[in-house]
Every structure is written in structure tokens, then in C-alpha cells.
């Protein structure tokens, strides 16, 4: 064989190995792991209590229910005390576990973490779910966001500071016991083009990156950190009212996501969302500019419909 033939064979082998490096983990994390093994962590062995932020609806409420179902007592944190009390009563009745409620607004300053610390410092916390977050009401250009200075400050404070603040409160106890689980709710927006939701997507990219490096730092201490990157889920935040195959209910989503705990450090949590990411990543690989323009076009259409709907309401 000529040297160019050897070089061609080598190139083919490298391409095949690269494809296998991507495909095999994807199959394991989305099919073999969740379907055959399921959650590889016994959550009740991590500690007596779980803490869930943004726990009164959607994904946060679903995590609180599933953790209670696994035998954990649950601390529910959100800003609405009546909603917290209603969810606490529901969980206690359904799962026969103790609950605790803390009402704080995560757009506030450091004082809210002092309030939380006072109420959880004596608890053995084995699981932390950093779910609280906020997004745009509708897709919008960066400079045209209504009340942009206040809104963007609150967005970053809620989505970013809540994760670092809660980890600072809860992780010392986990490290001292050499066990614990931290589930940080990021978003698929962190991994795919998301113009017109720019700052939201950036905050979620922070959550994903922090999760990755925090896991590297504290793996040896027995701490499991998982970044969950949901796509469309039928919640109040997404404004999707009816669950579909692509946009499951929060409960369906969380059940699927928990099956991937201990299997995947980064996960979309739900096979159709993983498939959506794979399709968009493939498009972006071959035509990155066109892919970004396509997403911009789709979100711009949503923006136009929202503006039209608001105008009709005014009439």
C-alpha cells in the first residue's frame, strides 16, 4: 500500500473512533443506563432531608414529590407562603413524610441566605435541588427587554446567585459526611443557540459549567453533582398547557431525569430532549450560521405573536 493509502485508512479509523466516542455514551446515557440500570444512587442513604428551591410548581414540585416518595423529608423553598403550605400538605398526605417550608424571594440579596441558614442548619441534608429560576415573559431583543436594568439584574440574581448561595449553605454538611447529591436545573438553552432569550440562556450556561467543575472538585468527597438541561416541559414558565411527547408534564420529566442520576453528569433528562439536542448539534456542525439564523427566525415569530396577543388584550 502507498503511504497515502495508509494515511486514508488512518483517517477513516480516527473518524470511526470519534463517532463511537460520541454515539456510545449517548446510547448509554439515554437508553441502556436509564432503562436497564435506573437511578444508581439510593437517595434515602444520602441524608434525612432534601432541599428543593422553586418548589411550589412545575419541575421543582415534581422533584419534591419524587424525593418524598423515596422516603426523604423535604424542605420546600419558594416565595409564596400559601403555595408552599399547600404543596407541603399535599406531600405530607401523599407520602407520609415531614416537610418544612421557607418563603424567600431569590431576587433578594444575601439576607435571604441568612434566613434559610437559620432554618436548615440543624438538618441532615442529603439532596439539594437548585431549581428556582426565572425567564423572559416572551422572546425579546436584548436592548428591548421591558424594564431591562431591573429585570436583567433580577434574572441573574435568581438564576445564578441562588445556585452558588444554596451550595455554600448545604455542601459543608455533605462534605463532612462524605455523601450527598446536588441536582442543578440548567436548561437546553445553555447548549443550543437561543437568541432573544440571551441572558436567560447565559445564566443557564453558568449553572451547567459550575455543575461540571464542582463535580470535578468534590467527587473524591463522595458528592454527586448533576446538571439537568430540560427542553420543553409543560409548566407555567414555558406557557405550555398540555403535555405532549416532546413537552412532557413536570412529573413525567422528573421521573425520567432521576433515572439518569449517577449515570450522566450532564443530561437533558428525557430522551426526546436528547434527540432534539442531537439534531440541533448536527445542524450546527454542518451549518452553524444557518442554524443560529433558523432559531432566531423561530423565536422572532414567537415574539411577534406575543406582541400581537398583548395588543389585542389592550383593545
Protein backbone atom coordinates (compact mmCIF):
# COMPACT_ATOMS: atom_id res chain seq x y z
CA UNK A 1 0.00 0.00 0.00
CA UNK A 2 1.17 3.51 -0.79
CA UNK A 3 1.73 5.92 2.05
CA UNK A 4 -1.40 7.83 1.01
CA UNK A 5 -3.45 4.63 1.33
CA UNK A 6 -2.20 4.13 4.91
CA UNK A 7 -2.98 7.75 5.65
CA UNK A 8 -6.54 7.34 4.28
CA UNK A 9 -7.14 4.23 6.39
CA UNK A 10 -5.81 6.05 9.45
CA UNK A 11 -8.18 8.95 8.82
CA UNK A 12 -11.15 6.59 8.49
CA UNK A 13 -10.20 4.85 11.75
CA UNK A 14 -9.93 8.19 13.56
CA UNK A 15 -13.35 9.29 12.26
CA UNK A 16 -14.93 5.97 13.35
CA UNK A 17 -13.37 6.25 16.82
CA UNK A 18 -14.58 9.82 17.19
CA UNK A 19 -18.11 8.79 16.19
CA UNK A 20 -18.05 5.90 18.66
CA UNK A 21 -16.80 8.26 21.37
CA UNK A 22 -19.94 10.36 20.84
CA UNK A 23 -22.51 7.70 19.96
CA UNK A 24 -21.79 5.03 22.59
CA UNK A 25 -22.03 7.37 25.63
CA UNK A 26 -25.19 8.92 24.11
CA UNK A 27 -26.83 5.48 23.82
CA UNK A 28 -25.75 4.54 27.33
CA UNK A 29 -26.91 7.79 28.94
CA UNK A 30 -30.27 7.88 27.14
CA UNK A 31 -31.22 4.21 26.76
CA UNK A 32 -29.12 1.49 28.39
CA UNK A 33 -28.40 3.34 31.64
CA UNK A 34 -31.86 4.73 32.43
CA UNK A 35 -33.84 1.75 31.08
CA UNK A 36 -31.65 -1.09 32.37
CA UNK A 37 -29.91 0.29 35.45
CA UNK A 38 -32.12 3.20 36.52
CA UNK A 39 -31.01 5.61 39.25
CA UNK A 40 -27.74 4.27 40.65
CA UNK A 41 -27.95 6.23 43.89
CA UNK A 42 -30.04 5.33 46.92
CA UNK A 43 -31.34 8.80 47.71
CA UNK A 44 -32.56 7.99 51.22
CA UNK A 45 -29.00 6.94 52.15
CA UNK A 46 -27.64 10.39 51.33
CA UNK A 47 -29.28 12.06 54.32
CA UNK A 48 -32.55 12.56 56.15
CA UNK A 49 -33.65 15.70 54.30
CA UNK A 50 -33.86 17.06 50.77
CA UNK A 51 -33.98 20.77 49.94
CA UNK A 52 -35.81 21.95 46.82
CA UNK A 53 -35.89 25.57 45.67
CA UNK A 54 -38.71 26.84 43.48
CA UNK A 55 -40.78 24.02 44.94
CA UNK A 56 -44.37 25.21 44.53
CA UNK A 57 -44.96 24.25 40.91
CA UNK A 58 -43.51 22.64 37.80
CA UNK A 59 -40.22 20.78 37.91
CA UNK A 60 -39.43 21.83 41.49
CA UNK A 61 -42.71 20.50 42.85
CA UNK A 62 -42.24 17.28 40.88
CA UNK A 63 -38.75 16.78 42.36
CA UNK A 64 -40.12 17.40 45.85
CA UNK A 65 -42.78 14.73 45.32
CA UNK A 66 -40.35 12.19 43.91
CA UNK A 67 -37.83 12.73 46.70
CA UNK A 68 -40.59 12.36 49.30
CA UNK A 69 -41.68 9.18 47.51
CA UNK A 70 -38.12 7.91 48.07
CA UNK A 71 -38.53 8.45 51.81
CA UNK A 72 -36.81 11.82 52.25
CA UNK A 73 -38.19 14.63 54.35
CA UNK A 74 -38.42 17.75 52.24
CA UNK A 75 -37.61 21.43 52.78
CA UNK A 76 -39.65 23.46 50.30
CA UNK A 77 -38.33 26.93 49.45
CA UNK A 78 -40.16 29.49 47.34
CA UNK A 79 -41.58 33.00 47.63
CA UNK A 80 -45.31 32.28 48.11
CA UNK A 81 -46.15 31.03 51.60
CA UNK A 82 -49.75 29.97 50.74
CA UNK A 83 -48.49 27.90 47.79
CA UNK A 84 -45.72 26.41 49.92
CA UNK A 85 -48.17 25.38 52.60
CA UNK A 86 -50.49 23.81 50.03
CA UNK A 87 -47.67 21.78 48.45
CA UNK A 88 -46.36 20.76 51.89
CA UNK A 89 -49.79 19.48 52.91
CA UNK A 90 -50.11 17.57 49.63
CA UNK A 91 -46.71 15.90 50.07
CA UNK A 92 -47.32 15.02 53.71
CA UNK A 93 -50.68 13.47 52.87
CA UNK A 94 -49.48 11.57 49.81
CA UNK A 95 -46.10 10.35 51.03
CA UNK A 96 -46.37 10.46 54.83
CA UNK A 97 -43.14 12.40 55.32
CA UNK A 98 -42.27 15.52 57.27
CA UNK A 99 -41.92 18.82 55.42
CA UNK A 100 -40.62 22.27 56.21
CA UNK A 101 -41.40 25.49 54.32
CA UNK A 102 -39.27 28.60 53.90
CA UNK A 103 -40.65 31.56 51.96
CA UNK A 104 -37.98 33.82 50.45
CA UNK A 105 -37.66 35.71 47.18
CA UNK A 106 -34.47 34.65 45.39
CA UNK A 107 -34.21 38.00 43.64
CA UNK A 108 -33.30 39.40 47.06
CA UNK A 109 -29.83 39.94 48.50
CA UNK A 110 -27.60 37.93 50.81
CA UNK A 111 -30.05 38.37 53.68
CA UNK A 112 -32.27 35.61 52.27
CA UNK A 113 -29.48 33.06 52.71
CA UNK A 114 -29.12 34.03 56.35
CA UNK A 115 -32.86 33.36 56.73
CA UNK A 116 -32.54 29.96 55.05
CA UNK A 117 -29.44 29.02 57.03
CA UNK A 118 -31.20 29.60 60.36
CA UNK A 119 -33.90 27.13 59.41
CA UNK A 120 -31.80 24.34 57.89
CA UNK A 121 -28.53 24.41 59.85
CA UNK A 122 -29.56 21.57 62.18
CA UNK A 123 -30.86 19.33 59.39
CA UNK A 124 -29.01 16.42 57.81
CA UNK A 125 -29.40 17.38 54.16
CA UNK A 126 -28.58 14.65 51.67
CA UNK A 127 -30.08 16.09 48.49
CA UNK A 128 -30.19 19.65 47.15
CA UNK A 129 -32.23 20.53 44.07
CA UNK A 130 -31.39 24.00 42.77
CA UNK A 131 -34.48 24.55 40.65
CA UNK A 132 -35.60 28.12 41.29
CA UNK A 133 -35.32 30.31 38.23
CA UNK A 134 -36.97 32.92 36.07
CA UNK A 135 -37.05 33.65 32.36
CA UNK A 136 -38.33 36.21 29.89
CA UNK A 137 -42.09 36.62 29.56
CA UNK A 138 -41.56 36.37 25.79
CA UNK A 139 -38.53 36.27 23.48
CA UNK A 140 -37.08 39.77 23.14
CA UNK A 141 -34.05 41.60 21.78
CA UNK A 142 -31.52 42.43 24.49
CA UNK A 143 -31.96 46.22 24.31
CA UNK A 144 -35.76 45.99 24.09
CA UNK A 145 -36.42 43.95 27.22
CA UNK A 146 -39.05 45.80 29.30
CA UNK A 147 -37.58 47.39 32.46
CA UNK A 148 -34.31 45.85 31.32
CA UNK A 149 -31.99 47.05 34.10
CA UNK A 150 -34.17 45.76 36.93
CA UNK A 151 -35.36 42.65 35.09
CA UNK A 152 -31.91 41.50 33.98
CA UNK A 153 -30.46 42.15 37.44
CA UNK A 154 -33.21 40.02 38.99
CA UNK A 155 -32.75 37.33 36.33
CA UNK A 156 -29.04 36.95 37.05
CA UNK A 157 -29.56 37.17 40.82
CA UNK A 158 -32.24 34.49 40.81
CA UNK A 159 -30.71 32.07 38.31
CA UNK A 160 -27.05 32.39 39.26
CA UNK A 161 -26.74 33.57 42.85
CA UNK A 162 -29.33 31.06 44.07
CA UNK A 163 -27.17 28.16 42.90
CA UNK A 164 -23.93 29.40 44.47
CA UNK A 165 -25.73 30.57 47.62
CA UNK A 166 -27.54 27.29 48.27
CA UNK A 167 -24.42 25.22 47.53
CA UNK A 168 -22.47 27.30 50.05
CA UNK A 169 -25.11 26.58 52.68
CA UNK A 170 -25.61 22.87 52.09
CA UNK A 171 -22.32 21.47 50.84
CA UNK A 172 -20.24 21.73 54.06
CA UNK A 173 -22.52 19.18 55.76
CA UNK A 174 -22.38 16.88 52.74
CA UNK A 175 -18.59 17.05 52.60
CA UNK A 176 -18.24 16.33 56.32
CA UNK A 177 -20.45 13.21 55.93
CA UNK A 178 -18.74 12.21 52.65
CA UNK A 179 -22.02 11.85 50.78
CA UNK A 180 -24.64 13.99 49.09
CA UNK A 181 -26.40 14.78 45.83
CA UNK A 182 -26.73 18.19 44.17
CA UNK A 183 -29.09 18.48 41.20
CA UNK A 184 -28.79 21.79 39.39
CA UNK A 185 -31.55 22.60 36.92
CA UNK A 186 -29.97 24.26 33.91
CA UNK A 187 -31.69 24.34 30.50
CA UNK A 188 -31.23 23.06 26.98
CA UNK A 189 -30.95 26.78 26.18
CA UNK A 190 -27.45 26.60 27.69
CA UNK A 191 -26.29 24.22 24.97
CA UNK A 192 -28.07 25.35 21.80
CA UNK A 193 -28.48 28.73 20.07
CA UNK A 194 -31.01 30.87 21.99
CA UNK A 195 -31.12 34.43 20.62
CA UNK A 196 -33.89 36.62 22.06
CA UNK A 197 -33.51 34.71 25.34
CA UNK A 198 -29.85 35.66 25.53
CA UNK A 199 -29.32 36.46 29.21
CA UNK A 200 -31.54 33.59 30.38
CA UNK A 201 -29.51 31.16 28.26
CA UNK A 202 -26.26 32.64 29.60
CA UNK A 203 -27.34 32.16 33.22
CA UNK A 204 -28.19 28.55 32.49
CA UNK A 205 -24.79 28.05 30.83
CA UNK A 206 -23.29 29.24 34.12
CA UNK A 207 -25.29 26.62 36.02
CA UNK A 208 -24.10 23.87 33.68
CA UNK A 209 -20.45 24.91 33.84
CA UNK A 210 -20.48 25.33 37.60
CA UNK A 211 -22.00 21.87 37.99
CA UNK A 212 -19.31 20.28 35.85
CA UNK A 213 -16.38 21.80 37.70
CA UNK A 214 -17.99 21.40 41.13
CA UNK A 215 -18.31 17.68 40.41
CA UNK A 216 -14.62 17.52 39.49
CA UNK A 217 -13.65 19.30 42.71
CA UNK A 218 -15.78 17.25 45.10
CA UNK A 219 -16.08 13.81 43.51
CA UNK A 220 -13.45 12.50 45.91
CA UNK A 221 -15.61 13.73 48.82
CA UNK A 222 -18.49 11.47 47.78
CA UNK A 223 -20.60 14.30 46.33
CA UNK A 224 -22.60 13.71 43.14
CA UNK A 225 -23.35 16.85 41.13
CA UNK A 226 -25.67 16.59 38.15
CA UNK A 227 -26.61 19.28 35.65
CA UNK A 228 -30.11 18.74 34.23
CA UNK A 229 -30.86 20.53 30.95
CA UNK A 230 -34.57 20.29 30.16
CA UNK A 231 -36.09 21.27 26.85
CA UNK A 232 -39.81 21.95 26.61
CA UNK A 233 -41.79 20.89 29.71
CA UNK A 234 -45.46 21.66 30.27
CA UNK A 235 -45.16 24.21 33.09
CA UNK A 236 -46.30 27.76 33.84
CA UNK A 237 -42.85 29.10 32.93
CA UNK A 238 -42.92 27.52 29.47
CA UNK A 239 -46.58 28.52 28.95
CA UNK A 240 -47.23 25.04 27.55
CA UNK A 241 -50.57 23.95 28.97
CA UNK A 242 -50.93 20.38 27.69
CA UNK A 243 -48.22 17.71 27.89
CA UNK A 244 -47.04 16.14 24.63
CA UNK A 245 -44.37 13.64 23.64
CA UNK A 246 -41.90 16.49 23.14
CA UNK A 247 -43.13 18.55 26.13
CA UNK A 248 -43.95 16.13 28.97
CA UNK A 249 -45.59 17.02 32.24
CA UNK A 250 -43.20 18.03 35.01
CA UNK A 251 -43.85 14.75 36.82
CA UNK A 252 -43.10 12.66 33.72
CA UNK A 253 -39.97 14.68 33.13
CA UNK A 254 -38.59 14.35 36.67
CA UNK A 255 -39.23 10.60 36.82
CA UNK A 256 -37.21 10.23 33.61
CA UNK A 257 -34.46 12.61 34.80
CA UNK A 258 -33.99 10.79 38.12
CA UNK A 259 -33.33 7.54 36.24
CA UNK A 260 -30.20 9.23 34.88
CA UNK A 261 -28.85 10.24 38.32
CA UNK A 262 -25.47 8.59 38.84
CA UNK A 263 -25.35 7.72 35.13
CA UNK A 264 -24.92 11.11 33.45
CA UNK A 265 -23.33 14.23 34.90
CA UNK A 266 -24.93 16.36 32.17
CA UNK A 267 -28.34 15.22 30.98
CA UNK A 268 -31.35 16.57 29.15
CA UNK A 269 -33.22 14.18 31.44
CA UNK A 270 -35.63 12.97 28.79
CA UNK A 271 -34.97 11.05 25.57
CA UNK A 272 -36.93 13.34 23.16
CA UNK A 273 -34.98 16.33 24.52
CA UNK A 274 -31.71 14.47 23.96
CA UNK A 275 -32.84 13.73 20.41
CA UNK A 276 -33.72 17.41 19.87
CA UNK A 277 -30.26 18.45 21.07
CA UNK A 278 -28.61 15.86 18.82
CA UNK A 279 -30.48 17.17 15.78
CA UNK A 280 -29.64 20.80 16.52
CA UNK A 281 -25.99 19.95 17.26
CA UNK A 282 -25.76 18.07 13.96
CA UNK A 283 -27.26 21.00 12.06
CA UNK A 284 -24.89 23.40 13.83
CA UNK A 285 -21.90 21.21 12.95
CA UNK A 286 -22.62 21.37 9.23
CA UNK A 287 -24.18 24.86 9.04
CA UNK A 288 -23.60 26.86 12.25
CA UNK A 289 -24.64 30.27 10.91
CA UNK A 290 -27.76 28.94 9.22
CA UNK A 291 -28.76 27.05 12.37
CA UNK A 292 -28.49 30.18 14.50
CA UNK A 293 -30.49 32.15 11.93
CA UNK A 294 -33.18 29.45 11.88
CA UNK A 295 -33.55 29.55 15.67
CA UNK A 296 -33.64 33.34 15.58
CA UNK A 297 -36.40 33.21 12.98
CA UNK A 298 -38.46 30.80 15.06
CA UNK A 299 -38.11 32.84 18.25
CA UNK A 300 -38.79 36.08 16.36
CA UNK A 301 -42.08 34.55 15.18
CA UNK A 302 -43.00 33.71 18.77
CA UNK A 303 -42.11 37.28 19.74
CA UNK A 304 -44.36 38.73 17.02
CA UNK A 305 -47.29 36.56 18.06
CA UNK A 306 -46.83 37.59 21.69
CA UNK A 307 -46.77 41.30 20.76
CA UNK A 308 -49.93 40.85 18.69
CA UNK A 309 -51.66 38.99 21.51
CA UNK A 310 -50.76 41.73 24.03
CA UNK A 311 -52.03 44.39 21.63
CA UNK A 312 -55.36 42.57 21.29
CA UNK A 313 -55.69 42.42 25.07
CA UNK A 314 -55.28 46.18 25.30
CA UNK A 315 -58.11 46.65 22.77
